[in-house]
Amino acid sequence: MTVTLAINGQQVVAAEGSTILEAARSAGIYIPTLCHHPDLTNVGACRMCVVSVEKAQGLQTACTTPVFEGMVVDTESEEARETRRFVLEMLLTDHPNECMTCEVNGDCELQDLVYEYGVAWPEHNGARHAYEIDPDSNPFIVIDYNKCIVCGRCIRACNEIQNRDVWAFAHRG
């Protein structure tokens, strides 16, 4: 079964039970995300995909909200854009300002969104968290908790794809 909804004034036909994010992407409509990955459970942790849904109270996360017949969605409402800007500003307050020397400079989703939303790096008068990097923690990946944005993708990948359940959030939030 399918449902018809409107996203940014565009009529979209989507599978019943799909999310706003899935419906939007199938129609070529961009909604930013940081925690979403198509092979993982949607959790809405990053709040970057917030959208306005007509007659709904408050913003909704597009990656977790199922579509319904007649739904009206605005992905670029002022409230959604301001919320995304705020989320990015909060992430940057405890994120190292080392983009130019970072190994993923130019291929970083956070960096792309910071530029897209015109968020300036905050003046920081206090100390940031400083986590030691263990270069031998994993033979396949370098784990740098200083760059963690608490999206949960690494934890969900470990749990859902590898079925290992060895990572979790600690000392965050």
N, C-alpha and C. Protein backbone atom coordinates (compact mmCIF):
# COMPACT_ATOMS: atom_id res chain seq x y z
N MET A 1 0.84 -1.17 0.00
CA MET A 1 0.00 0.00 0.00
C MET A 1 0.89 1.24 0.00
N THR A 2 0.35 2.29 -0.55
CA THR A 2 1.06 3.57 -0.59
C THR A 2 0.20 4.67 0.01
N VAL A 3 0.87 5.75 0.38
CA VAL A 3 0.18 6.94 0.86
C VAL A 3 0.71 8.13 0.07
N THR A 4 -0.11 9.16 -0.02
CA THR A 4 0.30 10.38 -0.70
C THR A 4 0.41 11.48 0.35
N LEU A 5 1.53 12.18 0.31
CA LEU A 5 1.76 13.29 1.23
C LEU A 5 2.37 14.45 0.47
N ALA A 6 2.46 15.59 1.11
CA ALA A 6 3.09 16.76 0.49
C ALA A 6 4.33 17.11 1.30
N ILE A 7 5.45 17.22 0.59
CA ILE A 7 6.69 17.65 1.23
C ILE A 7 7.16 18.90 0.50
N ASN A 8 7.23 20.00 1.22
CA ASN A 8 7.61 21.30 0.64
C ASN A 8 6.74 21.65 -0.57
N GLY A 9 5.46 21.29 -0.49
CA GLY A 9 4.53 21.59 -1.57
C GLY A 9 4.55 20.60 -2.71
N GLN A 10 5.45 19.65 -2.68
CA GLN A 10 5.56 18.64 -3.74
C GLN A 10 4.80 17.38 -3.31
N GLN A 11 3.94 16.87 -4.20
CA GLN A 11 3.20 15.66 -3.90
C GLN A 11 4.14 14.46 -4.01
N VAL A 12 4.15 13.62 -2.97
CA VAL A 12 5.04 12.47 -2.91
C VAL A 12 4.22 11.23 -2.59
N VAL A 13 4.47 10.16 -3.31
CA VAL A 13 3.84 8.87 -3.03
C VAL A 13 4.90 8.00 -2.36
N ALA A 14 4.55 7.45 -1.20
CA ALA A 14 5.51 6.66 -0.43
C ALA A 14 4.85 5.39 0.07
N ALA A 15 5.67 4.41 0.37
CA ALA A 15 5.17 3.16 0.93
C ALA A 15 4.63 3.41 2.33
N GLU A 16 3.48 2.82 2.62
CA GLU A 16 2.92 2.92 3.97
C GLU A 16 3.93 2.34 4.96
N GLY A 17 4.15 3.03 6.06
CA GLY A 17 5.12 2.58 7.05
C GLY A 17 6.51 3.15 6.87
N SER A 18 6.75 3.80 5.73
CA SER A 18 8.06 4.42 5.54
C SER A 18 8.13 5.71 6.34
N THR A 19 9.33 6.23 6.49
CA THR A 19 9.51 7.46 7.26
C THR A 19 9.47 8.68 6.34
N ILE A 20 9.34 9.84 6.95
CA ILE A 20 9.39 11.09 6.17
C ILE A 20 10.71 11.17 5.43
N LEU A 21 11.81 10.80 6.09
CA LEU A 21 13.13 10.86 5.46
C LEU A 21 13.19 9.96 4.23
N GLU A 22 12.69 8.74 4.35
CA GLU A 22 12.70 7.82 3.21
C GLU A 22 11.84 8.36 2.07
N ALA A 23 10.68 8.90 2.39
CA ALA A 23 9.79 9.46 1.37
C ALA A 23 10.45 10.65 0.68
N ALA A 24 11.07 11.52 1.47
CA ALA A 24 11.73 12.70 0.91
C ALA A 24 12.88 12.29 0.00
N ARG A 25 13.71 11.38 0.45
CA ARG A 25 14.86 10.97 -0.37
C ARG A 25 14.41 10.29 -1.65
N SER A 26 13.33 9.52 -1.59
CA SER A 26 12.85 8.86 -2.81
C SER A 26 12.34 9.87 -3.82
N ALA A 27 11.96 11.06 -3.34
CA ALA A 27 11.48 12.12 -4.23
C ALA A 27 12.57 13.15 -4.54
N GLY A 28 13.79 12.88 -4.09
CA GLY A 28 14.90 13.79 -4.37
C GLY A 28 14.90 15.04 -3.50
N ILE A 29 14.23 14.98 -2.36
CA ILE A 29 14.17 16.12 -1.44
C ILE A 29 15.19 15.90 -0.33
N TYR A 30 16.06 16.87 -0.15
CA TYR A 30 17.15 16.77 0.82
C TYR A 30 16.68 17.13 2.23
N ILE A 31 17.02 16.27 3.17
CA ILE A 31 16.85 16.55 4.60
C ILE A 31 18.18 16.16 5.25
N PRO A 32 18.82 17.09 5.97
CA PRO A 32 20.13 16.78 6.55
C PRO A 32 20.03 15.77 7.69
N THR A 33 21.07 14.96 7.83
CA THR A 33 21.15 13.99 8.94
C THR A 33 22.61 13.86 9.37
N LEU A 34 22.80 13.41 10.58
CA LEU A 34 24.13 13.02 11.06
C LEU A 34 24.10 11.60 11.62
N CYS A 35 23.03 11.22 12.30
CA CYS A 35 22.99 9.89 12.92
C CYS A 35 22.40 8.82 12.01
N HIS A 36 21.75 9.21 10.94
CA HIS A 36 21.08 8.25 10.06
C HIS A 36 22.08 7.47 9.21
N HIS A 37 21.82 6.20 9.07
CA HIS A 37 22.52 5.34 8.11
C HIS A 37 21.48 4.34 7.61
N PRO A 38 21.39 4.12 6.29
CA PRO A 38 20.32 3.27 5.76
C PRO A 38 20.35 1.83 6.24
N ASP A 39 21.49 1.35 6.72
CA ASP A 39 21.58 -0.04 7.18
C ASP A 39 21.37 -0.19 8.69
N LEU A 40 21.05 0.93 9.36
CA LEU A 40 20.92 0.89 10.82
C LEU A 40 19.54 1.35 11.26
N THR A 41 19.15 0.98 12.47
CA THR A 41 17.90 1.43 13.06
C THR A 41 17.90 2.94 13.19
N ASN A 42 16.78 3.56 12.87
CA ASN A 42 16.65 5.01 13.03
C ASN A 42 16.38 5.35 14.48
N VAL A 43 17.12 6.34 15.00
CA VAL A 43 16.94 6.72 16.40
C VAL A 43 16.65 8.21 16.60
N GLY A 44 16.93 9.03 15.62
CA GLY A 44 16.67 10.47 15.75
C GLY A 44 17.56 11.15 16.76
N ALA A 45 18.73 10.60 17.03
CA ALA A 45 19.60 11.12 18.08
C ALA A 45 20.19 12.49 17.76
N CYS A 46 20.51 12.76 16.51
CA CYS A 46 21.22 14.00 16.19
C CYS A 46 20.30 15.21 16.09
N ARG A 47 19.04 15.00 15.81
CA ARG A 47 18.03 16.07 15.67
C ARG A 47 18.26 16.95 14.45
N MET A 48 19.12 16.57 13.54
CA MET A 48 19.35 17.38 12.33
C MET A 48 18.23 17.22 11.32
N CYS A 49 17.48 16.15 11.39
CA CYS A 49 16.44 15.90 10.40
C CYS A 49 15.08 16.43 10.82
N VAL A 50 15.05 17.33 11.82
CA VAL A 50 13.75 17.83 12.27
C VAL A 50 13.02 18.57 11.16
N VAL A 51 11.70 18.34 11.11
CA VAL A 51 10.84 18.97 10.11
C VAL A 51 9.54 19.40 10.78
N SER A 52 8.85 20.31 10.14
CA SER A 52 7.53 20.72 10.61
C SER A 52 6.48 19.87 9.92
N VAL A 53 5.56 19.32 10.70
CA VAL A 53 4.46 18.53 10.16
C VAL A 53 3.18 19.25 10.55
N GLU A 54 2.36 19.56 9.55
CA GLU A 54 1.11 20.27 9.80
C GLU A 54 0.27 19.52 10.83
N LYS A 55 -0.26 20.25 11.79
CA LYS A 55 -1.13 19.75 12.86
C LYS A 55 -0.40 18.90 13.91
N ALA A 56 0.92 18.80 13.81
CA ALA A 56 1.69 18.07 14.83
C ALA A 56 2.26 19.09 15.81
N GLN A 57 2.34 18.69 17.04
CA GLN A 57 2.88 19.59 18.06
C GLN A 57 4.40 19.51 18.05
N GLY A 58 5.06 20.60 17.79
CA GLY A 58 6.52 20.64 17.77
C GLY A 58 7.10 20.01 16.52
N LEU A 59 8.41 20.10 16.42
CA LEU A 59 9.11 19.52 15.28
C LEU A 59 9.16 18.00 15.42
N GLN A 60 9.24 17.32 14.28
CA GLN A 60 9.31 15.86 14.25
C GLN A 60 10.63 15.44 13.61
N THR A 61 11.19 14.32 14.06
CA THR A 61 12.39 13.80 13.40
C THR A 61 11.96 13.01 12.17
N ALA A 62 12.48 13.42 11.03
CA ALA A 62 12.08 12.81 9.76
C ALA A 62 12.51 11.35 9.66
N CYS A 63 13.59 10.98 10.35
CA CYS A 63 14.08 9.61 10.24
C CYS A 63 13.28 8.61 11.07
N THR A 64 12.46 9.10 12.00
CA THR A 64 11.68 8.18 12.84
C THR A 64 10.17 8.34 12.69
N THR A 65 9.73 9.39 12.03
CA THR A 65 8.29 9.66 11.93
C THR A 65 7.70 8.99 10.69
N PRO A 66 6.75 8.07 10.88
CA PRO A 66 6.14 7.42 9.72
C PRO A 66 5.20 8.37 8.97
N VAL A 67 5.14 8.16 7.67
CA VAL A 67 4.25 8.98 6.83
C VAL A 67 2.82 8.48 6.96
N PHE A 68 1.88 9.36 6.67
CA PHE A 68 0.47 8.96 6.63
C PHE A 68 -0.23 9.71 5.51
N GLU A 69 -1.35 9.20 5.10
CA GLU A 69 -2.12 9.79 4.01
C GLU A 69 -2.48 11.24 4.34
N GLY A 70 -2.17 12.13 3.40
CA GLY A 70 -2.52 13.54 3.55
C GLY A 70 -1.55 14.36 4.39
N MET A 71 -0.49 13.75 4.87
CA MET A 71 0.50 14.46 5.69
C MET A 71 1.08 15.64 4.91
N VAL A 72 1.30 16.75 5.61
CA VAL A 72 1.91 17.93 5.00
C VAL A 72 3.18 18.25 5.79
N VAL A 73 4.32 18.22 5.09
CA VAL A 73 5.63 18.37 5.73
C VAL A 73 6.35 19.57 5.14
N ASP A 74 6.99 20.34 6.00
CA ASP A 74 7.85 21.44 5.56
C ASP A 74 9.24 21.18 6.12
N THR A 75 10.18 20.84 5.25
CA THR A 75 11.54 20.51 5.69
C THR A 75 12.39 21.75 5.92
N GLU A 76 11.95 22.89 5.42
CA GLU A 76 12.76 24.11 5.50
C GLU A 76 12.07 25.23 6.27
N SER A 77 11.19 24.88 7.19
CA SER A 77 10.54 25.92 8.00
C SER A 77 11.61 26.67 8.80
N GLU A 78 11.32 27.89 9.15
CA GLU A 78 12.28 28.69 9.93
C GLU A 78 12.60 28.00 11.25
N GLU A 79 11.58 27.41 11.89
CA GLU A 79 11.80 26.72 13.16
C GLU A 79 12.76 25.53 12.99
N ALA A 80 12.57 24.76 11.92
CA ALA A 80 13.45 23.61 11.66
C ALA A 80 14.88 24.07 11.39
N ARG A 81 15.04 25.09 10.55
CA ARG A 81 16.37 25.60 10.22
C ARG A 81 17.07 26.17 11.46
N GLU A 82 16.34 26.90 12.29
CA GLU A 82 16.94 27.47 13.51
C GLU A 82 17.33 26.36 14.49
N THR A 83 16.50 25.32 14.58
CA THR A 83 16.83 24.20 15.46
C THR A 83 18.08 23.50 14.97
N ARG A 84 18.20 23.28 13.68
CA ARG A 84 19.41 22.65 13.13
C ARG A 84 20.64 23.50 13.41
N ARG A 85 20.51 24.81 13.23
CA ARG A 85 21.63 25.71 13.53
C ARG A 85 22.05 25.59 14.99
N PHE A 86 21.06 25.56 15.88
CA PHE A 86 21.33 25.44 17.31
C PHE A 86 22.04 24.11 17.62
N VAL A 87 21.57 23.02 17.03
CA VAL A 87 22.19 21.71 17.24
C VAL A 87 23.65 21.76 16.81
N LEU A 88 23.92 22.34 15.66
CA LEU A 88 25.30 22.44 15.18
C LEU A 88 26.15 23.29 16.11
N GLU A 89 25.60 24.40 16.58
CA GLU A 89 26.34 25.25 17.52
C GLU A 89 26.69 24.48 18.79
N MET A 90 25.75 23.69 19.29
CA MET A 90 26.01 22.91 20.50
C MET A 90 27.07 21.84 20.26
N LEU A 91 27.02 21.19 19.10
CA LEU A 91 28.02 20.17 18.78
C LEU A 91 29.42 20.79 18.73
N LEU A 92 29.52 21.99 18.18
CA LEU A 92 30.82 22.62 18.03
C LEU A 92 31.42 23.11 19.35
N THR A 93 30.58 23.31 20.36
CA THR A 93 31.12 23.80 21.63
C THR A 93 32.06 22.80 22.29
N ASP A 94 31.92 21.53 21.98
CA ASP A 94 32.80 20.52 22.57
C ASP A 94 33.49 19.68 21.49
N HIS A 95 33.70 20.27 20.34
CA HIS A 95 34.33 19.57 19.22
C HIS A 95 35.63 20.28 18.88
N PRO A 96 36.72 19.55 18.66
CA PRO A 96 37.98 20.23 18.38
C PRO A 96 37.92 21.03 17.07
N ASN A 97 38.47 22.23 17.10
CA ASN A 97 38.51 23.09 15.91
C ASN A 97 39.78 22.76 15.13
N GLU A 98 39.79 21.57 14.55
CA GLU A 98 40.97 21.08 13.84
C GLU A 98 40.63 20.59 12.44
N CYS A 99 39.60 21.16 11.85
CA CYS A 99 39.13 20.68 10.55
C CYS A 99 40.23 20.69 9.49
N MET A 100 41.04 21.74 9.47
CA MET A 100 42.04 21.86 8.41
C MET A 100 43.13 20.80 8.50
N THR A 101 43.33 20.22 9.67
CA THR A 101 44.35 19.17 9.81
C THR A 101 43.73 17.80 10.05
N CYS A 102 42.43 17.72 10.05
CA CYS A 102 41.73 16.45 10.29
C CYS A 102 41.84 15.56 9.06
N GLU A 103 41.96 14.26 9.29
CA GLU A 103 42.10 13.30 8.19
C GLU A 103 40.87 13.21 7.30
N VAL A 104 39.71 13.66 7.76
CA VAL A 104 38.51 13.62 6.93
C VAL A 104 38.08 15.01 6.45
N ASN A 105 38.97 16.00 6.55
CA ASN A 105 38.69 17.35 6.06
C ASN A 105 38.21 17.27 4.61
N GLY A 106 37.08 17.88 4.33
CA GLY A 106 36.52 17.85 2.98
C GLY A 106 35.60 16.67 2.73
N ASP A 107 35.59 15.69 3.64
CA ASP A 107 34.73 14.52 3.50
C ASP A 107 34.04 14.25 4.84
N CYS A 108 33.58 15.33 5.47
CA CYS A 108 33.01 15.26 6.82
C CYS A 108 31.59 15.80 6.79
N GLU A 109 30.64 14.98 7.22
CA GLU A 109 29.24 15.40 7.22
C GLU A 109 28.99 16.58 8.16
N LEU A 110 29.64 16.58 9.32
CA LEU A 110 29.49 17.69 10.25
C LEU A 110 30.02 18.98 9.63
N GLN A 111 31.19 18.91 9.05
CA GLN A 111 31.80 20.08 8.41
C GLN A 111 30.90 20.61 7.30
N ASP A 112 30.35 19.71 6.49
CA ASP A 112 29.45 20.12 5.40
C ASP A 112 28.24 20.88 5.94
N LEU A 113 27.64 20.37 7.02
CA LEU A 113 26.45 21.01 7.58
C LEU A 113 26.79 22.35 8.24
N VAL A 114 27.94 22.44 8.88
CA VAL A 114 28.38 23.70 9.48
C VAL A 114 28.48 24.77 8.40
N TYR A 115 29.07 24.42 7.26
CA TYR A 115 29.17 25.37 6.14
C TYR A 115 27.79 25.68 5.56
N GLU A 116 26.98 24.64 5.36
CA GLU A 116 25.65 24.83 4.77
C GLU A 116 24.78 25.78 5.60
N TYR A 117 24.86 25.66 6.92
CA TYR A 117 24.03 26.47 7.80
C TYR A 117 24.73 27.74 8.29
N GLY A 118 25.94 27.97 7.81
CA GLY A 118 26.65 29.20 8.15
C GLY A 118 26.92 29.35 9.64
N VAL A 119 27.23 28.25 10.29
CA VAL A 119 27.50 28.28 11.73
C VAL A 119 28.97 28.61 11.94
N ALA A 120 29.23 29.62 12.76
CA ALA A 120 30.60 30.01 13.08
C ALA A 120 31.10 29.19 14.26
N TRP A 121 32.40 28.94 14.25
CA TRP A 121 32.98 28.22 15.37
C TRP A 121 32.86 29.10 16.60
N PRO A 122 32.34 28.57 17.71
CA PRO A 122 32.11 29.42 18.89
C PRO A 122 33.41 29.83 19.57
N GLU A 123 33.38 31.04 20.13
CA GLU A 123 34.48 31.44 21.01
C GLU A 123 34.37 30.56 22.24
N HIS A 124 35.47 29.99 22.66
CA HIS A 124 35.40 29.05 23.77
C HIS A 124 36.28 29.54 24.90
N ASN A 125 35.65 29.89 26.00
CA ASN A 125 36.39 30.40 27.15
C ASN A 125 36.72 29.32 28.17
N GLY A 126 36.07 28.19 28.09
CA GLY A 126 36.29 27.12 29.05
C GLY A 126 37.07 25.98 28.43
N ALA A 127 37.32 24.97 29.21
CA ALA A 127 38.07 23.81 28.73
C ALA A 127 37.11 22.82 28.06
N ARG A 128 37.55 22.28 26.96
CA ARG A 128 36.79 21.21 26.31
C ARG A 128 37.19 19.88 26.95
N HIS A 129 36.36 18.88 26.72
CA HIS A 129 36.76 17.54 27.13
C HIS A 129 38.02 17.17 26.36
N ALA A 130 38.91 16.48 26.99
CA ALA A 130 40.12 16.02 26.31
C ALA A 130 40.30 14.54 26.62
N TYR A 131 40.00 13.72 25.64
CA TYR A 131 40.12 12.28 25.80
C TYR A 131 41.41 11.81 25.15
N GLU A 132 42.13 10.93 25.82
CA GLU A 132 43.35 10.38 25.23
C GLU A 132 42.98 9.44 24.09
N ILE A 133 43.80 9.46 23.06
CA ILE A 133 43.59 8.57 21.93
C ILE A 133 44.47 7.35 22.11
N ASP A 134 43.88 6.18 22.08
CA ASP A 134 44.63 4.94 22.18
C ASP A 134 44.89 4.44 20.77
N PRO A 135 46.12 4.59 20.27
CA PRO A 135 46.41 4.20 18.88
C PRO A 135 46.29 2.70 18.63
N ASP A 136 46.29 1.90 19.69
CA ASP A 136 46.21 0.45 19.53
C ASP A 136 44.86 -0.11 19.93
N SER A 137 43.84 0.74 20.02
CA SER A 137 42.54 0.28 20.52
C SER A 137 41.83 -0.66 19.56
N ASN A 138 42.09 -0.51 18.28
CA ASN A 138 41.43 -1.34 17.28
C ASN A 138 42.33 -1.40 16.05
N PRO A 139 42.56 -2.58 15.49
CA PRO A 139 43.45 -2.66 14.33
C PRO A 139 42.85 -2.09 13.04
N PHE A 140 41.55 -1.83 13.02
CA PHE A 140 40.90 -1.39 11.79
C PHE A 140 40.46 0.07 11.79
N ILE A 141 40.21 0.63 12.97
CA ILE A 141 39.76 2.02 13.04
C ILE A 141 40.46 2.74 14.19
N VAL A 142 40.61 4.04 14.03
CA VAL A 142 41.14 4.87 15.11
C VAL A 142 39.95 5.46 15.85
N ILE A 143 39.92 5.27 17.14
CA ILE A 143 38.82 5.77 17.95
C ILE A 143 39.28 7.05 18.63
N ASP A 144 38.67 8.17 18.25
CA ASP A 144 39.01 9.47 18.84
C ASP A 144 37.74 10.06 19.44
N TYR A 145 37.56 9.87 20.74
CA TYR A 145 36.35 10.34 21.41
C TYR A 145 36.25 11.87 21.43
N ASN A 146 37.35 12.57 21.16
CA ASN A 146 37.31 14.03 21.08
C ASN A 146 36.45 14.49 19.91
N LYS A 147 36.31 13.66 18.90
CA LYS A 147 35.54 14.02 17.71
C LYS A 147 34.14 13.41 17.71
N CYS A 148 33.81 12.69 18.76
CA CYS A 148 32.49 12.05 18.86
C CYS A 148 31.39 13.10 18.94
N ILE A 149 30.36 12.95 18.13
CA ILE A 149 29.21 13.87 18.17
C ILE A 149 27.98 13.17 18.76
N VAL A 150 28.16 12.03 19.36
CA VAL A 150 27.12 11.28 20.06
C VAL A 150 25.95 10.93 19.13
N CYS A 151 26.29 10.57 17.90
CA CYS A 151 25.25 10.18 16.94
C CYS A 151 24.85 8.71 17.13
N GLY A 152 25.76 7.90 17.65
CA GLY A 152 25.47 6.50 17.91
C GLY A 152 25.64 5.56 16.74
N ARG A 153 26.11 6.06 15.59
CA ARG A 153 26.25 5.17 14.43
C ARG A 153 27.23 4.03 14.70
N CYS A 154 28.36 4.34 15.34
CA CYS A 154 29.36 3.29 15.58
C CYS A 154 28.80 2.22 16.51
N ILE A 155 28.06 2.65 17.52
CA ILE A 155 27.47 1.71 18.48
C ILE A 155 26.42 0.84 17.80
N ARG A 156 25.55 1.46 17.01
CA ARG A 156 24.50 0.70 16.33
C ARG A 156 25.10 -0.24 15.29
N ALA A 157 26.15 0.18 14.58
CA ALA A 157 26.79 -0.70 13.60
C ALA A 157 27.38 -1.92 14.30
N CYS A 158 28.04 -1.69 15.40
CA CYS A 158 28.63 -2.80 16.16
C CYS A 158 27.54 -3.75 16.66
N ASN A 159 26.46 -3.19 17.18
CA ASN A 159 25.38 -4.01 17.74
C ASN A 159 24.53 -4.69 16.68
N GLU A 160 24.16 -3.94 15.64
CA GLU A 160 23.18 -4.44 14.67
C GLU A 160 23.80 -5.20 13.51
N ILE A 161 24.99 -4.83 13.09
CA ILE A 161 25.61 -5.49 11.94
C ILE A 161 26.58 -6.58 12.39
N GLN A 162 27.42 -6.25 13.36
CA GLN A 162 28.40 -7.22 13.85
C GLN A 162 27.87 -8.08 15.00
N ASN A 163 26.75 -7.66 15.59
CA ASN A 163 26.15 -8.38 16.73
C ASN A 163 27.14 -8.59 17.88
N ARG A 164 27.91 -7.55 18.18
CA ARG A 164 28.93 -7.67 19.22
C ARG A 164 28.55 -6.98 20.52
N ASP A 165 27.78 -5.92 20.48
CA ASP A 165 27.36 -5.21 21.69
C ASP A 165 28.52 -4.88 22.63
N VAL A 166 29.64 -4.41 22.07
CA VAL A 166 30.79 -4.09 22.91
C VAL A 166 30.97 -2.60 23.15
N TRP A 167 30.27 -1.75 22.40
CA TRP A 167 30.40 -0.30 22.57
C TRP A 167 29.12 0.26 23.15
N ALA A 168 29.26 1.31 23.91
CA ALA A 168 28.11 2.02 24.47
C ALA A 168 28.56 3.44 24.79
N PHE A 169 27.60 4.32 25.05
CA PHE A 169 27.93 5.67 25.48
C PHE A 169 28.36 5.63 26.95
N ALA A 170 29.38 6.38 27.27
CA ALA A 170 29.81 6.52 28.66
C ALA A 170 30.41 7.90 28.84
N HIS A 171 30.10 8.52 29.95
CA HIS A 171 30.65 9.84 30.29
C HIS A 171 30.32 10.88 29.25
N ARG A 172 29.14 10.79 28.62
CA ARG A 172 28.71 11.75 27.60
C ARG A 172 27.35 12.30 27.98
N GLY A 173 27.05 13.48 27.47
CA GLY A 173 25.72 14.03 27.64
C GLY A 173 25.55 14.89 28.86
